Structure formats: structure tokens, C-alpha cells
Amino acid sequence: LAYHRLWQVWQVAAIERGLSLVEEAAVMHGIRDVRCNDSEAQRAVVGTFGRVDFLPLARASLSPVLGRWANDQATVAAVIDGFGPAGRPRSVGDVSVLGRGVVVIDGALEHSVSQKLFAFCQQSTLYFDQKAGHLGAYLNDGFASGLLLQVARSFQHTLRRLLGPHSLTQLWAYKYDSEVGNGIRVHADQGAVSLNCWLTTDEANLRPELGGLRIYYTESWSGNSSVDFRQSNQDFRLLQAEIEDLASSGELQILDVPHRANRCLLFRSELLHETGAVHFRSGYSNRRINLTFMYGMAKLFSASPPTADADGNRRH
């Protein structure tokens, strides 16, 4: 079990204990069993984001929340309260076109909807994908509350000129450890259009100019590249080498979009991108959470399953 996933279970259990969603004693004692047996020497070996072994007693104690859906609260009420007639959002926010295929929407969601999404992503136990310094929750793994799907449909209506005929094909959330420093490395998504929304408060971000997304403008995937798209997206080192070649030839443009609460970034999924440096305050409520809605499928990825990079991390 990844250590940062264990720590998330501890924090989520504490939140849900206050909401009377889980029994305190069994879960908390189970986590303490693991933490007490995770000596400093072991931590030094496995590293901050390494893995720890369960004791049989701890495994049984944690079973109510680990790897299970333990919270599905008030999603219907959020849909009703957060949207206007016919499920349409009351406002779209401030829209800025930053370049080819990139649109920034500030205040994209009604405040009540943004808050409920943030609470849902904090309290959800559906982060089954363990990565280096962050956890992932996916549509096909059950990350599909009524609120999330209502927001996805609402965006399809509101942004129909940008999304065109594309329907929702994937949905995911990533939750970062405050100590991680770096986010997801350079990659491309498999869809036609990606809509990346940031939910964590501005106060949590220690570096307001960072923490968002870096996008690389390049025609690499339009047939002019010597690198195979599928192969490259499974190994960030190939993409990094391609970016360096393009930069040296002057064919590369870089766009850095800073993190802002309730900001959504819409871009063509095939554009190479990576998470900006993550420097957020400590504390579970300050963790960076991004929510991504992917619409349509890129031709180069049509009907292909999720890929994995060189470290075994899934890419969507």
C-alpha cells in the first residue's frame, strides 16, 4: 500500500468520523497499527511515497474504508441547488482564449457547485490508483456521482461550440500530497477535448504563479513527428526528448496557466502538457485536487485502452 494512500485514508476517516459516516474506533486503530509499526528505519527505506505492509489486524480494521465507496452524500441535492432551469448552469464565468486550442474559464462553476465538488473529492474513497505522490480516481472505477455527471452534461451544453459533437468519454480526479513538489510529467490525453478544473482554494497554494498546467504548443502529433504517438505517450522520456528537439529548433511555444480555485482549462487533448510545480500548504484540506472531464477520442487513440507510462502509471 502506498504510504500517501494510507495517510489519505487516515484523513478521510477523520472527516467522515465527524459526519458519522464511519466508525471511529476500528478504522483509526487500524491505521495506528500500521503507523506504529512503520518505524523510522522502514520509512527511510521505503521513502515518503513508498509502500508499507499491513498487519492482519490492521487490514481487517481498515476494510470499511480502504478500497471501498464509503461516501455518496447529497449529490442529488447538489444537482438541484447548483444549476438553473433544465440543468443549465446560471453562469459560465470569465472566458479567455490564450492560444491555439486553449481556453481558460474563471468562475466556471456556481460557487455552491464548486464547493460540493471539492467536498465530494475530499471525502471520496474512490482513489484506487496509487501513483508517485498523488492518487487517481476514474469514471470506470466508480468515480461517477450524480453531481459529476450533471456537471459534465452541463458543460456539454454551455461549451457546445467548443466541444462540438463530442460526448464524455472519461472523467478523473487527482489528489496530490503537499510534499510532492512535482506533478504528472509530460503526456497527451487520449480524448478530443480535455477540460481540467481546479478545486482547491487559492489560499492553499504557496506559489500562486505555479500549480496549474504547462501546455506545449507543437505540431508533433500532426504527422510531422518522427516519434510514434502511442509509444511516446507510454514513456515520458521520449516526449521530453521530442520537446527538447522542438525547443532547439524554435518550433515550440510554452504556455503556463497558473492554478486558481474554480478555474477550468479547456484544451485539445493531443496537446502535450504536464502539471505545474506543486507547492501547497500542509494539511489535508489544502491538497491540490484537479478534476478532468475528457470528451471524444483522438483519432490516434480511437478504441484504445488506457495506457501506462514507464513507471506503470495509467495515462488517460
Protein backbone atom coordinates (compact mmCIF):
# COMPACT_ATOMS: atom_id res chain seq x y z
CA LEU A 1 0.00 0.00 0.00
CA ALA A 2 1.40 3.42 -0.95
CA TYR A 3 2.18 5.41 2.19
CA HIS A 4 0.43 8.54 0.94
CA ARG A 5 -2.69 6.49 0.24
CA LEU A 6 -2.63 5.26 3.84
CA TRP A 7 -2.32 8.85 5.03
CA GLN A 8 -5.29 9.82 2.86
CA VAL A 9 -7.36 7.03 4.44
CA TRP A 10 -6.44 8.47 7.85
CA GLN A 11 -7.56 11.96 6.83
CA VAL A 12 -10.75 10.85 5.05
CA ALA A 13 -11.68 8.69 8.02
CA ALA A 14 -11.25 11.70 10.30
CA ILE A 15 -13.56 13.77 8.10
CA GLU A 16 -16.14 11.03 7.80
CA ARG A 17 -15.97 10.35 11.52
CA GLY A 18 -17.22 13.90 12.01
CA LEU A 19 -20.00 13.23 9.50
CA SER A 20 -20.92 9.97 11.30
CA LEU A 21 -20.19 8.02 8.12
CA VAL A 22 -17.71 5.54 9.57
CA GLU A 23 -17.00 4.05 12.96
CA GLU A 24 -14.04 5.81 14.53
CA ALA A 25 -12.50 3.11 16.70
CA ALA A 26 -11.91 0.30 14.20
CA VAL A 27 -10.62 2.46 11.35
CA MET A 28 -8.45 4.75 13.45
CA HIS A 29 -6.97 1.88 15.43
CA GLY A 30 -6.22 0.03 12.22
CA ILE A 31 -4.35 3.00 10.80
CA ARG A 32 -2.47 3.47 14.05
CA ASP A 33 -1.47 -0.20 13.92
CA VAL A 34 0.19 0.39 10.57
CA ARG A 35 1.74 3.72 11.51
CA CYS A 36 3.11 2.42 14.82
CA ASN A 37 4.75 -0.49 13.05
CA ASP A 38 6.13 1.77 10.32
CA SER A 39 9.39 2.60 12.06
CA GLU A 40 11.69 5.46 11.15
CA ALA A 41 14.10 2.93 9.69
CA GLN A 42 11.38 1.50 7.48
CA ARG A 43 10.30 4.98 6.39
CA ALA A 44 13.90 5.74 5.45
CA VAL A 45 13.95 2.64 3.24
CA VAL A 46 10.55 2.96 1.56
CA GLY A 47 10.72 6.75 1.25
CA THR A 48 7.98 9.29 1.76
CA PHE A 49 5.91 7.84 -1.07
CA GLY A 50 6.95 4.22 -0.65
CA ARG A 51 4.82 1.29 0.44
CA VAL A 52 4.10 -0.26 3.81
CA ASP A 53 2.90 -3.73 4.73
CA PHE A 54 -0.31 -4.43 6.60
CA LEU A 55 -0.60 -6.40 9.76
CA PRO A 56 -3.57 -8.82 9.54
CA LEU A 57 -5.39 -6.94 12.30
CA ALA A 58 -4.84 -3.60 10.59
CA ARG A 59 -6.09 -4.96 7.26
CA ALA A 60 -9.33 -6.08 8.89
CA SER A 61 -9.74 -2.79 10.74
CA LEU A 62 -9.28 -0.69 7.61
CA SER A 63 -11.61 -2.73 5.42
CA PRO A 64 -14.62 -0.41 5.98
CA VAL A 65 -12.96 2.41 4.01
CA LEU A 66 -9.92 1.06 2.16
CA GLY A 67 -10.70 0.29 -1.47
CA ARG A 68 -14.42 0.88 -0.97
CA TRP A 69 -17.04 3.50 -1.68
CA ALA A 70 -17.77 4.84 1.79
CA ASN A 71 -19.46 8.13 0.98
CA ASP A 72 -22.13 9.17 -1.53
CA GLN A 73 -23.76 12.09 0.22
CA ALA A 74 -26.10 14.82 -1.06
CA THR A 75 -25.22 14.52 -4.76
CA VAL A 76 -28.84 14.85 -5.87
CA ALA A 77 -29.36 17.96 -3.72
CA ALA A 78 -26.22 19.49 -5.21
CA VAL A 79 -27.52 18.98 -8.73
CA ILE A 80 -30.85 20.60 -7.87
CA ASP A 81 -29.41 23.53 -5.91
CA GLY A 82 -26.39 24.29 -8.06
CA PHE A 83 -27.96 24.59 -11.50
CA GLY A 84 -30.64 26.67 -13.13
CA PRO A 85 -33.63 25.55 -15.22
CA ALA A 86 -33.21 22.38 -17.29
CA GLY A 87 -29.93 21.65 -15.56
CA ARG A 88 -28.14 24.56 -17.19
CA PRO A 89 -25.55 26.48 -15.18
CA ARG A 90 -26.54 30.00 -14.15
CA SER A 91 -23.27 31.39 -15.48
CA VAL A 92 -20.20 30.25 -17.35
CA GLY A 93 -17.67 32.63 -15.83
CA ASP A 94 -14.98 34.76 -17.47
CA VAL A 95 -13.62 33.20 -20.65
CA SER A 96 -10.14 33.90 -22.05
CA VAL A 97 -8.74 32.43 -25.25
CA LEU A 98 -5.00 32.07 -24.65
CA GLY A 99 -3.94 30.49 -27.90
CA ARG A 100 -4.46 27.69 -30.35
CA GLY A 101 -6.93 25.27 -28.81
CA VAL A 102 -6.61 26.64 -25.26
CA VAL A 103 -9.41 28.41 -23.36
CA VAL A 104 -9.36 29.46 -19.68
CA ILE A 105 -12.67 29.83 -17.82
CA ASP A 106 -12.53 31.54 -14.42
CA GLY A 107 -15.54 31.09 -12.15
CA ALA A 108 -16.59 28.20 -14.35
CA LEU A 109 -18.96 26.73 -11.77
CA GLU A 110 -21.51 28.22 -9.43
CA HIS A 111 -19.83 28.62 -6.05
CA SER A 112 -22.13 26.10 -4.39
CA VAL A 113 -21.36 23.51 -7.07
CA SER A 114 -17.62 24.11 -6.82
CA GLN A 115 -17.75 23.69 -3.04
CA LYS A 116 -19.76 20.49 -3.25
CA LEU A 117 -17.41 19.05 -5.85
CA PHE A 118 -14.45 19.87 -3.63
CA ALA A 119 -16.12 18.24 -0.63
CA PHE A 120 -17.02 15.18 -2.66
CA CYS A 121 -13.47 14.80 -3.97
CA GLN A 122 -12.09 15.21 -0.45
CA GLN A 123 -14.40 12.67 1.14
CA SER A 124 -14.46 10.10 -1.64
CA THR A 125 -12.66 6.79 -1.02
CA LEU A 126 -12.55 6.00 -4.74
CA TYR A 127 -8.89 6.91 -5.26
CA PHE A 128 -7.82 3.38 -6.14
CA ASP A 129 -4.93 4.35 -8.45
CA GLN A 130 -1.69 4.86 -6.47
CA LYS A 131 0.95 6.99 -8.16
CA ALA A 132 4.15 8.75 -7.16
CA GLY A 133 2.91 11.43 -4.79
CA HIS A 134 -0.71 11.52 -5.88
CA LEU A 135 -3.79 9.33 -6.12
CA GLY A 136 -6.23 8.89 -9.00
CA ALA A 137 -9.98 8.21 -9.18
CA TYR A 138 -11.58 7.31 -12.53
CA LEU A 139 -15.03 7.10 -14.07
CA ASN A 140 -14.63 3.43 -14.94
CA ASP A 141 -13.65 2.68 -11.32
CA GLY A 142 -16.89 4.14 -9.95
CA PHE A 143 -16.00 7.84 -9.74
CA ALA A 144 -19.38 8.75 -11.23
CA SER A 145 -21.67 10.53 -8.79
CA GLY A 146 -24.82 12.26 -9.99
CA LEU A 147 -23.17 15.62 -9.37
CA LEU A 148 -20.14 14.82 -11.53
CA LEU A 149 -22.25 13.55 -14.43
CA GLN A 150 -24.60 16.53 -14.17
CA VAL A 151 -21.64 18.92 -14.37
CA ALA A 152 -20.28 17.01 -17.38
CA ARG A 153 -23.61 17.30 -19.21
CA SER A 154 -23.92 20.95 -18.26
CA PHE A 155 -20.52 21.72 -19.77
CA GLN A 156 -21.58 19.94 -22.96
CA HIS A 157 -24.47 22.36 -23.29
CA THR A 158 -22.69 25.53 -22.18
CA LEU A 159 -19.49 24.89 -24.16
CA ARG A 160 -21.14 23.21 -27.14
CA ARG A 161 -19.37 25.49 -29.63
CA LEU A 162 -16.02 24.36 -28.24
CA LEU A 163 -16.85 20.72 -27.51
CA GLY A 164 -18.79 20.19 -30.72
CA PRO A 165 -20.38 16.75 -31.04
CA HIS A 166 -18.07 15.13 -28.51
CA SER A 167 -19.62 13.36 -25.52
CA LEU A 168 -18.00 12.44 -22.20
CA THR A 169 -15.62 9.50 -22.58
CA GLN A 170 -13.58 9.68 -19.37
CA LEU A 171 -13.58 11.51 -16.06
CA TRP A 172 -10.94 11.53 -13.35
CA ALA A 173 -9.64 13.35 -10.29
CA TYR A 174 -6.08 13.55 -8.96
CA LYS A 175 -5.30 14.37 -5.34
CA TYR A 176 -1.70 15.42 -4.59
CA ASP A 177 0.41 15.12 -1.48
CA SER A 178 1.57 18.53 -0.28
CA GLU A 179 5.19 17.36 -0.22
CA VAL A 180 5.32 16.03 -3.78
CA GLY A 181 6.82 19.13 -5.47
CA ASN A 182 6.31 17.80 -8.99
CA GLY A 183 3.10 16.72 -10.66
CA ILE A 184 2.35 14.45 -13.61
CA ARG A 185 5.04 14.54 -16.25
CA VAL A 186 4.60 15.44 -19.89
CA HIS A 187 1.95 13.44 -21.74
CA ALA A 188 -1.08 13.81 -24.00
CA ASP A 189 -4.64 12.76 -23.20
CA GLN A 190 -6.50 10.26 -25.33
CA GLY A 191 -9.57 12.39 -25.96
CA ALA A 192 -10.52 15.08 -28.45
CA VAL A 193 -11.01 17.81 -25.82
CA SER A 194 -9.93 17.90 -22.15
CA LEU A 195 -11.46 20.18 -19.52
CA ASN A 196 -9.24 20.43 -16.44
CA CYS A 197 -10.86 22.07 -13.38
CA TRP A 198 -9.07 23.09 -10.17
CA LEU A 199 -11.00 22.94 -6.91
CA THR A 200 -8.55 23.72 -4.08
CA THR A 201 -8.64 27.21 -2.57
CA ASP A 202 -6.20 29.91 -3.65
CA GLU A 203 -5.04 30.29 -0.04
CA ALA A 204 -3.70 26.74 -0.10
CA ASN A 205 -1.32 27.48 -2.98
CA LEU A 206 2.01 28.80 -1.68
CA ARG A 207 3.17 29.72 -5.20
CA PRO A 208 0.24 31.44 -6.96
CA GLU A 209 2.16 31.67 -10.23
CA LEU A 210 2.51 27.87 -10.30
CA GLY A 211 0.48 24.78 -9.53
CA GLY A 212 -1.58 24.76 -12.71
CA LEU A 213 -0.73 23.29 -16.10
CA ARG A 214 2.03 23.76 -18.65
CA ILE A 215 0.99 23.24 -22.26
CA TYR A 216 3.42 22.70 -25.13
CA TYR A 217 2.30 24.07 -28.48
CA THR A 218 3.62 21.75 -31.13
CA GLU A 219 2.53 20.08 -34.36
CA SER A 220 4.35 16.89 -33.33
CA TRP A 221 1.23 14.78 -33.49
CA SER A 222 0.02 16.09 -36.85
CA GLY A 223 2.19 13.75 -38.85
CA ASN A 224 5.40 15.77 -38.77
CA SER A 225 6.97 13.93 -35.84
CA SER A 226 9.40 11.05 -36.03
CA VAL A 227 8.05 9.73 -32.71
CA ASP A 228 5.16 7.25 -32.64
CA PHE A 229 2.24 8.74 -30.69
CA ARG A 230 1.23 5.61 -28.78
CA GLN A 231 4.78 4.60 -27.92
CA SER A 232 5.71 8.12 -26.85
CA ASN A 233 2.75 8.57 -24.55
CA GLN A 234 3.82 5.47 -22.62
CA ASP A 235 7.31 6.84 -21.97
CA PHE A 236 7.64 10.48 -20.95
CA ARG A 237 11.36 10.35 -21.77
CA LEU A 238 10.59 10.08 -25.49
CA LEU A 239 8.25 13.05 -25.24
CA GLN A 240 10.82 15.05 -23.27
CA ALA A 241 13.42 14.38 -25.95
CA GLU A 242 10.95 15.47 -28.62
CA ILE A 243 10.20 18.68 -26.73
CA GLU A 244 13.91 19.45 -26.40
CA ASP A 245 14.39 18.94 -30.14
CA LEU A 246 11.48 21.24 -30.95
CA ALA A 247 12.71 23.86 -28.49
CA SER A 248 16.18 23.87 -30.01
CA SER A 249 14.69 24.35 -33.48
CA GLY A 250 12.46 27.20 -32.34
CA GLU A 251 9.27 25.29 -33.19
CA LEU A 252 7.94 25.15 -29.63
CA GLN A 253 5.68 27.51 -27.73
CA ILE A 254 5.11 27.07 -23.99
CA LEU A 255 2.04 28.27 -22.14
CA ASP A 256 1.94 28.20 -18.32
CA VAL A 257 -1.54 28.53 -16.80
CA PRO A 258 -1.39 29.15 -13.01
CA HIS A 259 -3.65 27.36 -10.55
CA ARG A 260 -6.77 29.24 -9.47
CA ALA A 261 -9.73 27.97 -7.50
CA ASN A 262 -12.77 27.31 -9.70
CA ARG A 263 -10.72 27.77 -12.87
CA CYS A 264 -11.25 25.35 -15.75
CA LEU A 265 -8.79 24.97 -18.60
CA LEU A 266 -10.12 23.61 -21.89
CA PHE A 267 -7.63 22.38 -24.48
CA ARG A 268 -7.22 19.91 -27.31
CA SER A 269 -6.30 16.66 -25.62
CA GLU A 270 -3.49 15.92 -28.07
CA LEU A 271 -1.51 18.96 -26.92
CA LEU A 272 1.42 17.86 -24.78
CA HIS A 273 1.06 19.05 -21.20
CA GLU A 274 2.27 18.47 -17.65
CA THR A 275 1.28 19.54 -14.15
CA GLY A 276 2.92 22.69 -12.85
CA ALA A 277 5.13 22.51 -9.77
CA VAL A 278 3.05 21.74 -6.68
CA HIS A 279 3.81 23.85 -3.58
CA PHE A 280 0.69 23.77 -1.42
CA ARG A 281 0.25 24.21 2.31
CA SER A 282 0.36 21.13 4.51
CA GLY A 283 -2.92 19.72 5.73
CA TYR A 284 -5.48 17.53 4.06
CA SER A 285 -7.87 20.37 3.18
CA ASN A 286 -5.06 22.12 1.28
CA ARG A 287 -4.21 19.29 -1.07
CA ARG A 288 -4.27 20.13 -4.75
CA ILE A 289 -7.24 18.45 -6.45
CA ASN A 290 -7.82 18.62 -10.17
CA LEU A 291 -10.92 17.27 -11.85
CA THR A 292 -10.75 16.44 -15.57
CA PHE A 293 -13.60 15.83 -17.99
CA MET A 294 -12.49 14.25 -21.28
CA TYR A 295 -14.76 14.47 -24.31
CA GLY A 296 -14.47 12.45 -27.51
CA MET A 297 -11.48 10.39 -28.61
CA ALA A 298 -8.38 11.39 -30.55
CA LYS A 299 -8.10 9.56 -33.86
CA LEU A 300 -4.70 8.20 -32.91
CA PHE A 301 -6.17 6.69 -29.76
CA SER A 302 -9.58 5.54 -31.01
CA ALA A 303 -10.84 2.44 -29.21
CA SER A 304 -7.55 2.04 -27.34
CA PRO A 305 -7.44 1.12 -23.63
CA PRO A 306 -5.79 3.40 -21.03
CA THR A 307 -2.02 3.33 -21.42
CA ALA A 308 0.72 3.20 -18.80
CA ASP A 309 3.95 5.15 -18.71
CA ALA A 310 7.44 3.86 -17.95
CA ASP A 311 6.66 3.90 -14.21
CA GLY A 312 3.45 1.89 -14.60
CA ASN A 313 1.17 4.90 -14.11
CA ARG A 314 -2.04 4.95 -16.11
CA ARG A 315 -2.49 7.77 -18.59
CA HIS A 316 -5.86 8.94 -19.90
